[in-house]
């Protein structure tokens, strides 16, 4: 059974940093792309960052240059380093991965940025 468990969210002031983690199990982590999404109240879920199995990355325009996605195959964990946070980054952040034609989601971790 595939499980994705996010951690690392919290409350931070504008300009601060947080690092989110996504621990994966029940899948071969090394051959799966990993993605971070976020959803703010009243808004649609949006893709924030993605990393392929080979380490290629992609970012939304709103976070490019501030966020960094990475992965550690030995730990079966993906990360999202978030710097220069603004109140507009306030949202619940979700980890996502596809495995055997099924898309899996974690339960999310809340990030709140105060001005």
Protein backbone atom coordinates (compact mmCIF):
# COMPACT_ATOMS: atom_id res chain seq x y z
CA UNK A 1 0.00 0.00 0.00
CA UNK A 2 1.42 3.34 -1.06
CA UNK A 3 1.65 5.97 1.64
CA UNK A 4 2.84 9.55 1.41
CA UNK A 5 3.31 11.40 4.68
CA UNK A 6 4.08 15.11 4.75
CA UNK A 7 5.71 16.96 7.61
CA UNK A 8 7.48 20.22 8.32
CA UNK A 9 4.66 22.71 8.01
CA UNK A 10 4.05 25.44 10.53
CA UNK A 11 3.68 29.16 11.10
CA UNK A 12 6.37 31.59 10.05
CA UNK A 13 6.73 35.30 9.48
CA UNK A 14 7.10 36.78 6.03
CA UNK A 15 10.65 36.38 4.77
CA UNK A 16 11.16 33.19 6.72
CA UNK A 17 11.85 29.65 5.58
CA UNK A 18 10.43 26.18 6.03
CA UNK A 19 11.40 22.76 4.73
CA UNK A 20 8.67 20.27 3.98
CA UNK A 21 9.30 16.54 3.82
CA UNK A 22 7.33 13.78 2.11
CA UNK A 23 8.13 10.26 3.23
CA UNK A 24 7.04 7.60 0.73
CA UNK A 25 6.44 3.90 1.29
CA UNK A 26 4.89 1.02 -0.62
CA UNK A 27 6.40 2.03 -3.94
CA UNK A 28 9.75 2.05 -5.69
CA UNK A 29 10.56 5.64 -4.86
CA UNK A 30 13.58 5.86 -7.13
CA UNK A 31 11.56 5.47 -10.35
CA UNK A 32 8.62 7.70 -9.49
CA UNK A 33 8.28 11.40 -10.12
CA UNK A 34 7.32 13.43 -7.05
CA UNK A 35 5.30 16.61 -6.91
CA UNK A 36 4.25 19.22 -4.37
CA UNK A 37 0.88 20.92 -4.66
CA UNK A 38 -0.78 23.51 -2.49
CA UNK A 39 -4.31 24.64 -1.88
CA UNK A 40 -5.33 27.87 -0.21
CA UNK A 41 -8.85 28.39 1.19
CA UNK A 42 -11.30 29.08 -1.61
CA UNK A 43 -8.76 28.35 -4.32
CA UNK A 44 -8.01 25.41 -6.57
CA UNK A 45 -5.14 23.09 -5.83
CA UNK A 46 -2.09 24.17 -7.80
CA UNK A 47 1.14 22.47 -8.75
CA UNK A 48 4.08 24.11 -7.01
CA UNK A 49 7.08 21.98 -7.91
CA UNK A 50 7.97 18.65 -9.47
CA UNK A 51 11.04 16.44 -9.63
CA UNK A 52 11.54 13.48 -11.95
CA UNK A 53 13.18 10.21 -10.99
CA UNK A 54 16.34 11.53 -12.63
CA UNK A 55 16.30 14.74 -10.64
CA UNK A 56 15.00 17.20 -13.24
CA UNK A 57 12.90 19.90 -11.61
CA UNK A 58 10.11 22.24 -12.58
CA UNK A 59 8.45 25.10 -10.67
CA UNK A 60 5.43 27.30 -10.91
CA UNK A 61 6.16 30.91 -11.75
CA UNK A 62 4.95 31.99 -8.31
CA UNK A 63 7.66 30.06 -6.44
CA UNK A 64 10.53 29.84 -8.94
CA UNK A 65 13.71 31.20 -7.40
CA UNK A 66 12.37 30.83 -3.84
CA UNK A 67 11.46 27.15 -3.53
CA UNK A 68 13.65 24.12 -4.19
CA UNK A 69 12.39 20.58 -4.63
CA UNK A 70 14.75 17.69 -4.02
CA UNK A 71 14.72 14.00 -3.25
CA UNK A 72 16.76 11.51 -1.28
CA UNK A 73 16.46 8.01 -2.71
CA UNK A 74 18.15 6.38 0.27
CA UNK A 75 15.49 7.84 2.57
CA UNK A 76 12.54 7.52 0.16
CA UNK A 77 11.83 11.16 0.90
CA UNK A 78 11.13 14.24 -1.16
CA UNK A 79 11.67 17.75 0.15
CA UNK A 80 10.47 21.25 -0.55
CA UNK A 81 12.74 23.99 0.73
CA UNK A 82 10.77 27.23 0.89
CA UNK A 83 12.59 30.53 1.31
CA UNK A 84 11.47 34.16 1.29
CA UNK A 85 7.96 33.13 2.23
CA UNK A 86 5.12 35.59 1.77
CA UNK A 87 1.52 35.55 3.08
CA UNK A 88 0.48 34.45 -0.43
CA UNK A 89 2.28 31.15 0.22
CA UNK A 90 -0.18 30.33 3.00
CA UNK A 91 -1.85 27.05 2.05
CA UNK A 92 -2.03 23.37 2.77
CA UNK A 93 0.79 21.62 0.96
CA UNK A 94 0.35 18.14 -0.47
CA UNK A 95 2.77 15.55 -1.75
CA UNK A 96 1.79 13.61 -4.86
CA UNK A 97 3.21 10.66 -6.74
CA UNK A 98 2.04 8.31 -9.46
CA UNK A 99 2.61 4.59 -9.05
CA UNK A 100 1.30 1.86 -11.36
CA UNK A 101 -1.15 4.20 -13.10
CA UNK A 102 -2.61 5.47 -9.81
CA UNK A 103 -2.08 8.92 -8.37
CA UNK A 104 -1.44 9.03 -4.64
CA UNK A 105 -1.73 11.94 -2.23
CA UNK A 106 -0.64 12.63 1.29
CA UNK A 107 -2.92 14.28 3.82
CA UNK A 108 -1.08 17.56 3.59
CA UNK A 109 0.75 19.88 5.94
CA UNK A 110 -0.35 23.42 6.73
CA UNK A 111 1.91 26.39 6.04
CA UNK A 112 0.87 29.76 7.43
CA UNK A 113 2.86 32.90 6.69
CA UNK A 114 2.08 36.06 8.62
CA UNK A 115 2.97 39.58 7.53
